[in-house]
């Protein structure tokens, strides 16, 4: 079996797991709550995986970029859950990692997406600052919308670091800079590892 065949299988698994996760979201919340970055990033991943499956072994540049950006987005979810929400929510492992859709959206889908993107997918996105920044568009749009909704008191949260009236302006700015700055670094690392894998495969 060729490596790109494995990528197709992994993307098919992602589609199945994401659909299961969304069904569990509906069961737990009664709706698909788009105020949650977790849900939005996983839907983005679902769409990119479907597009990748349809493109088979020759994805267009836009599909490749969607796979890159959506993988980044769910990895942001994964890492924020572990390093930010887990301590903030008193290390509630049962809730964050085992309850409802969380095993799928917080852990399984991000990790499968990461392995698939890095090692089993055709992706020729050039690693430069422009592409690194463009990969953050999805996250930036979410941040602008949710922070605006919080400022207007239309939405409260849903994450502690988005609750602008429950922390200082400085703290809100620090959170924004920290998360987006980390995401930019991560976007670069993803393509660095991807490029290294491609070089090693060529040599072999």
N, C-alpha and C. Protein backbone atom coordinates (compact mmCIF):
# COMPACT_ATOMS: atom_id res chain seq x y z
N UNK A 1 0.84 -1.20 0.00
CA UNK A 1 0.00 0.00 0.00
C UNK A 1 0.87 1.25 0.00
N UNK A 2 0.60 2.17 -0.91
CA UNK A 2 1.36 3.41 -0.98
C UNK A 2 0.97 4.36 0.15
N UNK A 3 1.89 5.27 0.48
CA UNK A 3 1.65 6.19 1.59
C UNK A 3 0.42 7.06 1.36
N UNK A 4 0.18 7.47 0.10
CA UNK A 4 -0.97 8.33 -0.18
C UNK A 4 -2.29 7.57 -0.04
N UNK A 5 -2.24 6.25 -0.22
CA UNK A 5 -3.42 5.42 0.03
C UNK A 5 -3.76 5.44 1.52
N UNK A 6 -2.72 5.41 2.36
CA UNK A 6 -2.92 5.50 3.81
C UNK A 6 -3.57 6.83 4.16
N UNK A 7 -3.12 7.90 3.49
CA UNK A 7 -3.70 9.22 3.72
C UNK A 7 -5.19 9.24 3.40
N UNK A 8 -5.59 8.58 2.33
CA UNK A 8 -7.00 8.51 1.97
C UNK A 8 -7.80 7.75 3.03
N UNK A 9 -7.23 6.66 3.51
CA UNK A 9 -7.90 5.86 4.55
C UNK A 9 -8.05 6.68 5.84
N UNK A 10 -6.98 7.38 6.21
CA UNK A 10 -7.03 8.20 7.43
C UNK A 10 -8.05 9.32 7.30
N UNK A 11 -8.16 9.92 6.11
CA UNK A 11 -9.16 10.97 5.91
C UNK A 11 -10.57 10.41 5.94
N UNK A 12 -10.75 9.19 5.44
CA UNK A 12 -12.06 8.54 5.54
C UNK A 12 -12.42 8.29 7.00
N UNK A 13 -11.43 7.84 7.78
CA UNK A 13 -11.66 7.64 9.23
C UNK A 13 -12.01 8.96 9.89
N UNK A 14 -11.32 10.04 9.49
CA UNK A 14 -11.62 11.36 10.05
C UNK A 14 -13.05 11.77 9.77
N UNK A 15 -13.51 11.55 8.55
CA UNK A 15 -14.89 11.90 8.19
C UNK A 15 -15.88 11.15 9.08
N UNK A 16 -15.64 9.86 9.27
CA UNK A 16 -16.53 9.04 10.11
C UNK A 16 -16.53 9.52 11.55
N UNK A 17 -15.32 9.75 12.10
CA UNK A 17 -15.21 10.19 13.49
C UNK A 17 -15.80 11.57 13.71
N UNK A 18 -15.62 12.47 12.74
CA UNK A 18 -16.18 13.82 12.86
C UNK A 18 -17.71 13.78 12.84
N UNK A 19 -18.27 12.94 11.99
CA UNK A 19 -19.73 12.81 11.95
C UNK A 19 -20.26 12.27 13.28
N UNK A 20 -19.55 11.28 13.83
CA UNK A 20 -19.93 10.75 15.15
C UNK A 20 -19.86 11.87 16.20
N UNK A 21 -18.77 12.65 16.14
CA UNK A 21 -18.60 13.75 17.09
C UNK A 21 -19.71 14.77 16.98
N UNK A 22 -20.12 15.12 15.77
CA UNK A 22 -21.18 16.09 15.57
C UNK A 22 -22.52 15.56 16.05
N UNK A 23 -22.77 14.27 15.84
CA UNK A 23 -24.00 13.65 16.35
C UNK A 23 -24.03 13.72 17.87
N UNK A 24 -22.89 13.45 18.50
CA UNK A 24 -22.80 13.53 19.96
C UNK A 24 -22.96 14.97 20.45
N UNK A 25 -22.48 15.93 19.66
CA UNK A 25 -22.69 17.35 19.99
C UNK A 25 -24.18 17.67 20.01
N UNK A 26 -24.87 17.22 18.99
CA UNK A 26 -26.31 17.44 18.92
C UNK A 26 -27.02 16.83 20.12
N UNK A 27 -26.56 15.64 20.51
CA UNK A 27 -27.17 14.96 21.64
C UNK A 27 -26.89 15.69 22.95
N UNK A 28 -25.65 16.20 23.10
CA UNK A 28 -25.25 16.84 24.35
C UNK A 28 -25.77 18.27 24.47
N UNK A 29 -25.73 19.03 23.35
CA UNK A 29 -26.06 20.45 23.40
C UNK A 29 -27.44 20.77 22.81
N UNK A 30 -27.97 19.85 22.04
CA UNK A 30 -29.25 20.10 21.39
C UNK A 30 -29.10 20.87 20.09
N UNK A 31 -27.86 21.25 19.77
CA UNK A 31 -27.59 21.99 18.54
C UNK A 31 -26.09 21.94 18.25
N UNK A 32 -25.70 22.45 17.08
CA UNK A 32 -24.28 22.62 16.78
C UNK A 32 -23.94 24.05 17.17
N UNK A 33 -23.26 24.22 18.31
CA UNK A 33 -22.97 25.55 18.85
C UNK A 33 -21.68 26.10 18.24
N UNK A 34 -21.85 27.02 17.29
CA UNK A 34 -20.70 27.55 16.56
C UNK A 34 -19.86 28.53 17.38
N UNK A 35 -20.27 28.81 18.61
CA UNK A 35 -19.43 29.68 19.44
C UNK A 35 -18.20 28.93 19.96
N UNK A 36 -18.21 27.62 19.85
CA UNK A 36 -17.07 26.81 20.31
C UNK A 36 -16.06 26.63 19.18
N UNK A 37 -14.84 27.05 19.43
CA UNK A 37 -13.77 26.85 18.44
C UNK A 37 -13.55 25.37 18.18
N UNK A 38 -13.70 24.55 19.20
CA UNK A 38 -13.56 23.10 19.03
C UNK A 38 -14.47 22.58 17.93
N UNK A 39 -15.74 22.97 17.99
CA UNK A 39 -16.71 22.51 16.99
C UNK A 39 -16.37 23.08 15.63
N UNK A 40 -16.08 24.37 15.57
CA UNK A 40 -15.79 25.02 14.29
C UNK A 40 -14.55 24.42 13.62
N UNK A 41 -13.51 24.21 14.40
CA UNK A 41 -12.27 23.67 13.82
C UNK A 41 -12.46 22.24 13.34
N UNK A 42 -13.28 21.48 14.06
CA UNK A 42 -13.53 20.10 13.64
C UNK A 42 -14.42 20.03 12.41
N UNK A 43 -15.35 20.96 12.26
CA UNK A 43 -16.15 21.03 11.04
C UNK A 43 -15.25 21.42 9.87
N UNK A 44 -14.33 22.34 10.10
CA UNK A 44 -13.36 22.73 9.07
C UNK A 44 -12.53 21.51 8.65
N UNK A 45 -12.11 20.72 9.63
CA UNK A 45 -11.36 19.50 9.33
C UNK A 45 -12.21 18.52 8.53
N UNK A 46 -13.46 18.37 8.91
CA UNK A 46 -14.37 17.48 8.19
C UNK A 46 -14.49 17.87 6.72
N UNK A 47 -14.69 19.17 6.48
CA UNK A 47 -14.81 19.66 5.10
C UNK A 47 -13.53 19.41 4.32
N UNK A 48 -12.39 19.69 4.94
CA UNK A 48 -11.11 19.51 4.24
C UNK A 48 -10.85 18.03 3.95
N UNK A 49 -11.26 17.16 4.85
CA UNK A 49 -11.07 15.72 4.62
C UNK A 49 -11.96 15.21 3.49
N UNK A 50 -13.19 15.70 3.43
CA UNK A 50 -14.09 15.32 2.34
C UNK A 50 -13.52 15.78 1.00
N UNK A 51 -13.03 17.01 0.96
CA UNK A 51 -12.42 17.53 -0.27
C UNK A 51 -11.20 16.71 -0.66
N UNK A 52 -10.42 16.32 0.34
CA UNK A 52 -9.22 15.52 0.06
C UNK A 52 -9.60 14.16 -0.51
N UNK A 53 -10.66 13.55 0.02
CA UNK A 53 -11.10 12.26 -0.48
C UNK A 53 -11.56 12.35 -1.94
N UNK A 54 -12.27 13.42 -2.25
CA UNK A 54 -12.75 13.60 -3.62
C UNK A 54 -11.61 13.87 -4.60
N UNK A 55 -10.55 14.49 -4.10
CA UNK A 55 -9.41 14.79 -4.98
C UNK A 55 -8.47 13.60 -5.13
N UNK A 56 -8.72 12.56 -4.29
CA UNK A 56 -7.94 11.32 -4.31
C UNK A 56 -6.46 11.63 -4.09
N UNK A 57 -5.57 11.19 -4.98
CA UNK A 57 -4.14 11.34 -4.73
C UNK A 57 -3.56 12.62 -5.33
N UNK A 58 -4.40 13.43 -5.96
CA UNK A 58 -3.89 14.65 -6.60
C UNK A 58 -4.69 15.87 -6.14
N UNK A 59 -4.58 16.23 -4.89
CA UNK A 59 -5.33 17.38 -4.39
C UNK A 59 -4.82 18.69 -4.98
N UNK A 60 -5.75 19.59 -5.25
CA UNK A 60 -5.37 20.91 -5.74
C UNK A 60 -4.67 21.69 -4.64
N UNK A 61 -4.06 22.82 -5.01
CA UNK A 61 -3.36 23.64 -4.01
C UNK A 61 -4.32 24.14 -2.93
N UNK A 62 -5.57 24.46 -3.32
CA UNK A 62 -6.54 24.95 -2.34
C UNK A 62 -6.91 23.84 -1.36
N UNK A 63 -7.05 22.62 -1.85
CA UNK A 63 -7.35 21.49 -0.96
C UNK A 63 -6.16 21.23 -0.04
N UNK A 64 -4.96 21.29 -0.60
CA UNK A 64 -3.75 21.13 0.22
C UNK A 64 -3.70 22.18 1.32
N UNK A 65 -4.06 23.40 0.96
CA UNK A 65 -4.01 24.47 1.95
C UNK A 65 -5.09 24.27 3.02
N UNK A 66 -6.26 23.81 2.59
CA UNK A 66 -7.33 23.52 3.56
C UNK A 66 -6.89 22.44 4.54
N UNK A 67 -6.19 21.43 4.03
CA UNK A 67 -5.71 20.37 4.91
C UNK A 67 -4.69 20.93 5.90
N UNK A 68 -3.81 21.77 5.42
CA UNK A 68 -2.79 22.41 6.28
C UNK A 68 -3.47 23.28 7.35
N UNK A 69 -4.35 24.16 6.93
CA UNK A 69 -4.99 25.09 7.86
C UNK A 69 -5.92 24.39 8.84
N UNK A 70 -6.66 23.39 8.37
CA UNK A 70 -7.59 22.68 9.26
C UNK A 70 -6.83 21.81 10.26
N UNK A 71 -5.70 21.23 9.83
CA UNK A 71 -4.88 20.45 10.76
C UNK A 71 -4.31 21.37 11.84
N UNK A 72 -3.84 22.54 11.42
CA UNK A 72 -3.38 23.53 12.39
C UNK A 72 -4.49 23.88 13.37
N UNK A 73 -5.69 24.10 12.87
CA UNK A 73 -6.82 24.53 13.71
C UNK A 73 -7.16 23.49 14.77
N UNK A 74 -7.24 22.21 14.38
CA UNK A 74 -7.58 21.19 15.38
C UNK A 74 -6.42 20.93 16.34
N UNK A 75 -5.18 21.19 15.88
CA UNK A 75 -4.06 21.06 16.80
C UNK A 75 -4.06 22.19 17.83
N UNK A 76 -4.54 23.37 17.41
CA UNK A 76 -4.72 24.46 18.37
C UNK A 76 -5.74 24.03 19.42
N UNK A 77 -6.83 23.42 18.96
CA UNK A 77 -7.84 22.90 19.88
C UNK A 77 -7.20 21.91 20.86
N UNK A 78 -6.48 20.95 20.33
CA UNK A 78 -5.85 19.90 21.15
C UNK A 78 -4.92 20.49 22.20
N UNK A 79 -4.06 21.40 21.80
CA UNK A 79 -3.06 21.95 22.71
C UNK A 79 -3.66 22.94 23.71
N UNK A 80 -4.66 23.72 23.28
CA UNK A 80 -5.33 24.63 24.21
C UNK A 80 -6.08 23.83 25.27
N UNK A 81 -6.70 22.73 24.86
CA UNK A 81 -7.39 21.87 25.83
C UNK A 81 -6.42 21.36 26.88
N UNK A 82 -5.27 20.87 26.43
CA UNK A 82 -4.30 20.28 27.36
C UNK A 82 -3.62 21.31 28.25
N UNK A 83 -3.16 22.40 27.65
CA UNK A 83 -2.31 23.34 28.39
C UNK A 83 -3.05 24.55 28.97
N UNK A 84 -4.28 24.79 28.51
CA UNK A 84 -5.03 25.95 29.02
C UNK A 84 -6.30 25.52 29.75
N UNK A 85 -7.19 24.83 29.06
CA UNK A 85 -8.48 24.48 29.65
C UNK A 85 -8.37 23.42 30.74
N UNK A 86 -7.50 22.46 30.55
CA UNK A 86 -7.34 21.39 31.54
C UNK A 86 -6.97 21.96 32.92
N UNK A 87 -5.96 22.82 33.02
CA UNK A 87 -5.68 23.44 34.33
C UNK A 87 -6.80 24.38 34.79
N UNK A 88 -7.36 25.15 33.85
CA UNK A 88 -8.41 26.11 34.21
C UNK A 88 -9.65 25.42 34.78
N UNK A 89 -9.93 24.22 34.29
CA UNK A 89 -11.12 23.47 34.73
C UNK A 89 -10.77 22.41 35.77
N UNK A 90 -9.78 22.74 36.58
CA UNK A 90 -9.39 21.89 37.72
C UNK A 90 -9.03 20.47 37.31
N UNK A 91 -8.35 20.35 36.15
CA UNK A 91 -7.87 19.06 35.67
C UNK A 91 -8.99 18.01 35.59
N UNK A 92 -10.12 18.46 35.03
CA UNK A 92 -11.30 17.59 34.90
C UNK A 92 -11.13 16.68 33.67
N UNK A 93 -10.39 15.60 33.85
CA UNK A 93 -10.09 14.68 32.75
C UNK A 93 -11.35 14.05 32.18
N UNK A 94 -12.26 13.65 33.05
CA UNK A 94 -13.49 12.99 32.62
C UNK A 94 -14.26 13.86 31.64
N UNK A 95 -14.41 15.14 31.96
CA UNK A 95 -15.18 16.04 31.10
C UNK A 95 -14.46 16.36 29.80
N UNK A 96 -13.20 16.75 29.89
CA UNK A 96 -12.49 17.24 28.71
C UNK A 96 -12.09 16.15 27.72
N UNK A 97 -11.87 14.94 28.22
CA UNK A 97 -11.32 13.90 27.35
C UNK A 97 -12.22 12.69 27.15
N UNK A 98 -13.25 12.54 27.97
CA UNK A 98 -14.07 11.33 27.87
C UNK A 98 -15.56 11.59 27.65
N UNK A 99 -16.01 12.78 27.93
CA UNK A 99 -17.45 13.07 27.87
C UNK A 99 -17.92 13.42 26.47
N UNK A 100 -19.06 12.86 26.07
CA UNK A 100 -19.72 13.23 24.83
C UNK A 100 -18.82 13.20 23.60
N UNK A 101 -18.77 14.32 22.86
CA UNK A 101 -17.95 14.36 21.64
C UNK A 101 -16.47 14.65 21.90
N UNK A 102 -16.11 14.94 23.15
CA UNK A 102 -14.75 15.39 23.44
C UNK A 102 -13.64 14.41 23.08
N UNK A 103 -13.82 13.09 23.28
CA UNK A 103 -12.74 12.18 22.85
C UNK A 103 -12.44 12.30 21.36
N UNK A 104 -13.48 12.55 20.58
CA UNK A 104 -13.30 12.66 19.13
C UNK A 104 -12.72 14.02 18.74
N UNK A 105 -13.33 15.09 19.27
CA UNK A 105 -12.96 16.43 18.83
C UNK A 105 -11.74 17.00 19.54
N UNK A 106 -11.50 16.55 20.75
CA UNK A 106 -10.34 17.07 21.49
C UNK A 106 -9.08 16.25 21.28
N UNK A 107 -9.23 14.96 20.96
CA UNK A 107 -8.05 14.09 20.93
C UNK A 107 -7.90 13.32 19.62
N UNK A 108 -8.83 12.41 19.34
CA UNK A 108 -8.67 11.48 18.23
C UNK A 108 -8.52 12.18 16.88
N UNK A 109 -9.46 13.06 16.56
CA UNK A 109 -9.42 13.72 15.25
C UNK A 109 -8.18 14.61 15.07
N UNK A 110 -7.84 15.43 16.07
CA UNK A 110 -6.61 16.22 15.92
C UNK A 110 -5.36 15.37 15.70
N UNK A 111 -5.21 14.29 16.45
CA UNK A 111 -4.00 13.47 16.33
C UNK A 111 -3.97 12.70 15.03
N UNK A 112 -5.11 12.16 14.60
CA UNK A 112 -5.16 11.46 13.31
C UNK A 112 -4.89 12.42 12.17
N UNK A 113 -5.47 13.63 12.27
CA UNK A 113 -5.24 14.66 11.24
C UNK A 113 -3.77 15.02 11.16
N UNK A 114 -3.12 15.14 12.31
CA UNK A 114 -1.70 15.49 12.35
C UNK A 114 -0.85 14.42 11.67
N UNK A 115 -1.06 13.16 12.03
CA UNK A 115 -0.30 12.06 11.45
C UNK A 115 -0.54 11.97 9.95
N UNK A 116 -1.80 12.09 9.55
CA UNK A 116 -2.13 12.01 8.13
C UNK A 116 -1.47 13.13 7.34
N UNK A 117 -1.60 14.36 7.82
CA UNK A 117 -1.04 15.51 7.11
C UNK A 117 0.47 15.42 7.00
N UNK A 118 1.13 15.10 8.11
CA UNK A 118 2.59 15.11 8.12
C UNK A 118 3.22 13.99 7.31
N UNK A 119 2.62 12.81 7.33
CA UNK A 119 3.32 11.65 6.79
C UNK A 119 2.64 10.91 5.63
N UNK A 120 1.35 11.20 5.39
CA UNK A 120 0.65 10.38 4.39
C UNK A 120 -0.16 11.17 3.36
N UNK A 121 0.07 12.47 3.28
CA UNK A 121 -0.67 13.27 2.32
C UNK A 121 0.28 14.03 1.40
N UNK A 122 -0.16 14.20 0.17
CA UNK A 122 0.58 15.05 -0.76
C UNK A 122 0.29 16.49 -0.40
N UNK A 123 1.33 17.24 -0.08
CA UNK A 123 1.15 18.65 0.25
C UNK A 123 2.43 19.41 -0.09
N UNK A 124 2.29 20.38 -0.97
CA UNK A 124 3.46 21.12 -1.46
C UNK A 124 3.38 22.61 -1.11
N UNK A 125 2.70 22.92 -0.03
CA UNK A 125 2.61 24.31 0.42
C UNK A 125 3.99 24.78 0.87
N UNK A 126 4.44 25.89 0.33
CA UNK A 126 5.75 26.41 0.68
C UNK A 126 5.75 26.99 2.09
N UNK A 127 6.78 26.67 2.83
CA UNK A 127 6.88 27.15 4.21
C UNK A 127 7.49 28.54 4.23
N UNK A 128 6.63 29.55 4.28
CA UNK A 128 7.09 30.92 4.42
C UNK A 128 6.10 31.67 5.32
N UNK A 129 6.47 32.86 5.73
CA UNK A 129 5.67 33.62 6.67
C UNK A 129 4.27 33.94 6.11
N UNK A 130 4.22 34.18 4.80
CA UNK A 130 2.93 34.49 4.18
C UNK A 130 1.96 33.32 4.33
N UNK A 131 2.41 32.12 4.01
CA UNK A 131 1.54 30.95 4.13
C UNK A 131 1.26 30.60 5.58
N UNK A 132 2.25 30.80 6.45
CA UNK A 132 2.03 30.57 7.88
C UNK A 132 0.92 31.48 8.39
N UNK A 133 0.97 32.73 7.99
CA UNK A 133 -0.05 33.69 8.44
C UNK A 133 -1.40 33.37 7.81
N UNK A 134 -1.42 33.01 6.54
CA UNK A 134 -2.68 32.68 5.86
C UNK A 134 -3.36 31.48 6.51
N UNK A 135 -2.56 30.57 7.05
CA UNK A 135 -3.15 29.40 7.71
C UNK A 135 -3.92 29.77 8.98
N UNK A 136 -3.69 30.99 9.47
CA UNK A 136 -4.36 31.46 10.69
C UNK A 136 -5.67 32.19 10.40
N UNK A 137 -6.02 32.37 9.12
CA UNK A 137 -7.23 33.12 8.79
C UNK A 137 -8.46 32.58 9.51
N UNK A 138 -8.60 31.27 9.52
CA UNK A 138 -9.76 30.64 10.17
C UNK A 138 -9.81 31.02 11.66
N UNK A 139 -8.67 30.91 12.33
CA UNK A 139 -8.59 31.23 13.76
C UNK A 139 -8.79 32.71 14.01
N UNK A 140 -8.25 33.55 13.14
CA UNK A 140 -8.40 35.00 13.28
C UNK A 140 -9.86 35.42 13.13
N UNK A 141 -10.54 34.84 12.15
CA UNK A 141 -11.96 35.16 11.93
C UNK A 141 -12.77 34.77 13.17
N UNK A 142 -12.50 33.58 13.68
CA UNK A 142 -13.19 33.14 14.90
C UNK A 142 -12.93 34.12 16.05
N UNK A 143 -11.67 34.49 16.24
CA UNK A 143 -11.30 35.38 17.34
C UNK A 143 -11.99 36.73 17.23
N UNK A 144 -11.99 37.31 16.04
CA UNK A 144 -12.63 38.62 15.84
C UNK A 144 -14.12 38.55 16.14
N UNK A 145 -14.78 37.51 15.62
CA UNK A 145 -16.23 37.38 15.82
C UNK A 145 -16.57 37.16 17.29
N UNK A 146 -15.88 36.23 17.94
CA UNK A 146 -16.24 35.90 19.32
C UNK A 146 -15.86 36.99 20.29
N UNK A 147 -14.73 37.65 20.08
CA UNK A 147 -14.37 38.76 20.97
C UNK A 147 -15.37 39.90 20.80
N UNK A 148 -15.78 40.17 19.58
CA UNK A 148 -16.79 41.21 19.32
C UNK A 148 -18.11 40.87 20.00
N UNK A 149 -18.53 39.62 19.89
CA UNK A 149 -19.79 39.18 20.52
C UNK A 149 -19.71 39.27 22.04
N UNK A 150 -18.52 38.99 22.58
CA UNK A 150 -18.34 39.12 24.02
C UNK A 150 -18.37 40.59 24.45
N UNK A 151 -17.73 41.46 23.68
CA UNK A 151 -17.73 42.90 23.99
C UNK A 151 -19.15 43.45 23.96
N UNK A 152 -19.94 42.97 23.00
CA UNK A 152 -21.33 43.43 22.85
C UNK A 152 -22.28 42.72 23.82
N UNK A 153 -21.76 41.82 24.61
CA UNK A 153 -22.52 41.04 25.60
C UNK A 153 -23.58 40.15 24.95
N UNK A 154 -23.36 39.78 23.72
CA UNK A 154 -24.27 38.86 23.04
C UNK A 154 -23.93 37.42 23.43
N UNK A 155 -22.64 37.18 23.63
CA UNK A 155 -22.13 35.87 24.03
C UNK A 155 -21.24 36.05 25.25
N UNK A 156 -21.26 35.07 26.13
CA UNK A 156 -20.34 35.08 27.27
C UNK A 156 -19.40 33.89 27.14
N UNK A 157 -18.19 34.16 26.74
CA UNK A 157 -17.23 33.07 26.54
C UNK A 157 -17.23 32.58 25.11
N UNK A 158 -17.33 31.29 24.86
CA UNK A 158 -17.57 30.22 25.84
C UNK A 158 -16.33 29.79 26.62
N UNK A 159 -15.16 30.31 26.23
CA UNK A 159 -13.93 29.95 26.93
C UNK A 159 -13.56 31.04 27.92
N UNK A 160 -12.96 30.67 29.06
CA UNK A 160 -12.62 31.67 30.09
C UNK A 160 -11.81 32.85 29.56
N UNK A 161 -10.88 32.59 28.64
CA UNK A 161 -10.01 33.66 28.14
C UNK A 161 -10.71 34.59 27.15
N UNK A 162 -11.95 34.27 26.77
CA UNK A 162 -12.72 35.16 25.89
C UNK A 162 -13.67 36.05 26.68
N UNK A 163 -13.79 35.82 27.96
CA UNK A 163 -14.73 36.58 28.79
C UNK A 163 -14.10 37.92 29.16
N UNK A 164 -14.27 38.88 28.26
CA UNK A 164 -13.57 40.17 28.37
C UNK A 164 -13.98 40.98 29.59
N UNK A 165 -15.18 40.75 30.10
CA UNK A 165 -15.62 41.54 31.25
C UNK A 165 -15.27 40.87 32.58
N UNK A 166 -14.64 39.71 32.51
CA UNK A 166 -14.24 39.01 33.73
C UNK A 166 -12.73 39.02 33.92
N UNK A 167 -12.03 39.83 33.08
CA UNK A 167 -10.58 39.98 33.21
C UNK A 167 -10.20 41.36 32.69
N UNK A 168 -9.00 41.78 32.99
CA UNK A 168 -8.55 43.10 32.56
C UNK A 168 -8.34 43.14 31.05
N UNK A 169 -8.33 44.35 30.51
CA UNK A 169 -8.06 44.51 29.07
C UNK A 169 -6.68 43.97 28.75
N UNK A 170 -5.71 44.24 29.62
CA UNK A 170 -4.34 43.75 29.42
C UNK A 170 -4.32 42.23 29.35
N UNK A 171 -5.08 41.58 30.25
CA UNK A 171 -5.10 40.13 30.27
C UNK A 171 -5.71 39.57 28.98
N UNK A 172 -6.75 40.23 28.48
CA UNK A 172 -7.37 39.82 27.22
C UNK A 172 -6.37 39.93 26.07
N UNK A 173 -5.61 41.02 26.05
CA UNK A 173 -4.60 41.23 25.00
C UNK A 173 -3.50 40.17 25.10
N UNK A 174 -3.08 39.87 26.33
CA UNK A 174 -2.04 38.86 26.53
C UNK A 174 -2.50 37.50 26.00
N UNK A 175 -3.76 37.14 26.29
CA UNK A 175 -4.30 35.87 25.81
C UNK A 175 -4.31 35.82 24.29
N UNK A 176 -4.76 36.89 23.66
CA UNK A 176 -4.83 36.95 22.20
C UNK A 176 -3.45 36.79 21.58
N UNK A 177 -2.50 37.58 22.08
CA UNK A 177 -1.14 37.54 21.54
C UNK A 177 -0.50 36.17 21.78
N UNK A 178 -0.72 35.61 22.97
CA UNK A 178 -0.11 34.33 23.31
C UNK A 178 -0.64 33.20 22.41
N UNK A 179 -1.95 33.13 22.26
CA UNK A 179 -2.55 32.04 21.48
C UNK A 179 -2.23 32.18 20.00
N UNK A 180 -2.37 33.40 19.46
CA UNK A 180 -2.10 33.59 18.03
C UNK A 180 -0.60 33.47 17.73
N UNK A 181 0.23 33.95 18.66
CA UNK A 181 1.67 33.82 18.47
C UNK A 181 2.10 32.37 18.48
N UNK A 182 1.54 31.60 19.41
CA UNK A 182 1.84 30.17 19.46
C UNK A 182 1.34 29.48 18.19
N UNK A 183 0.15 29.86 17.73
CA UNK A 183 -0.42 29.25 16.51
C UNK A 183 0.47 29.52 15.30
N UNK A 184 1.03 30.72 15.23
CA UNK A 184 1.91 31.07 14.10
C UNK A 184 3.17 30.21 14.13
N UNK A 185 3.73 30.02 15.31
CA UNK A 185 4.91 29.16 15.45
C UNK A 185 4.57 27.73 15.07
N UNK A 186 3.41 27.25 15.53
CA UNK A 186 2.99 25.89 15.22
C UNK A 186 2.78 25.70 13.73
N UNK A 187 2.22 26.71 13.06
CA UNK A 187 1.99 26.62 11.62
C UNK A 187 3.31 26.43 10.87
N UNK A 188 4.36 27.09 11.35
CA UNK A 188 5.68 26.94 10.75
C UNK A 188 6.27 25.56 11.02
N UNK A 189 6.09 25.07 12.24
CA UNK A 189 6.62 23.76 12.61
C UNK A 189 5.96 22.66 11.78
N UNK A 190 4.65 22.76 11.55
CA UNK A 190 3.95 21.76 10.76
C UNK A 190 4.58 21.60 9.37
N UNK A 191 4.83 22.73 8.71
CA UNK A 191 5.40 22.67 7.37
C UNK A 191 6.88 22.27 7.39
N UNK A 192 7.59 22.63 8.45
CA UNK A 192 8.99 22.20 8.57
C UNK A 192 9.07 20.68 8.64
N UNK A 193 8.23 20.08 9.48
CA UNK A 193 8.23 18.63 9.62
C UNK A 193 7.78 17.98 8.32
N UNK A 194 6.76 18.59 7.67
CA UNK A 194 6.27 18.07 6.40
C UNK A 194 7.38 18.08 5.34
N UNK A 195 8.11 19.17 5.26
CA UNK A 195 9.21 19.28 4.29
C UNK A 195 10.30 18.26 4.59
N UNK A 196 10.61 18.06 5.86
CA UNK A 196 11.63 17.08 6.26
C UNK A 196 11.21 15.68 5.85
N UNK A 197 9.93 15.35 6.07
CA UNK A 197 9.43 14.04 5.69
C UNK A 197 9.53 13.82 4.18
N UNK A 198 9.22 14.85 3.40
CA UNK A 198 9.29 14.75 1.95
C UNK A 198 10.74 14.55 1.48
N UNK A 199 11.68 15.27 2.11
CA UNK A 199 13.10 15.13 1.76
C UNK A 199 13.59 13.72 2.06
N UNK A 200 13.21 13.19 3.21
CA UNK A 200 13.63 11.84 3.60
C UNK A 200 13.05 10.79 2.67
N UNK A 201 11.80 11.00 2.23
CA UNK A 201 11.18 10.05 1.31
C UNK A 201 11.84 10.07 -0.06
N UNK A 202 12.25 11.25 -0.50
CA UNK A 202 12.94 11.36 -1.79
C UNK A 202 14.28 10.61 -1.73
N UNK A 203 15.00 10.78 -0.63
CA UNK A 203 16.31 10.13 -0.48
C UNK A 203 16.18 8.61 -0.42
N UNK A 204 15.05 8.17 0.14
CA UNK A 204 14.84 6.71 0.26
C UNK A 204 14.30 6.12 -1.05
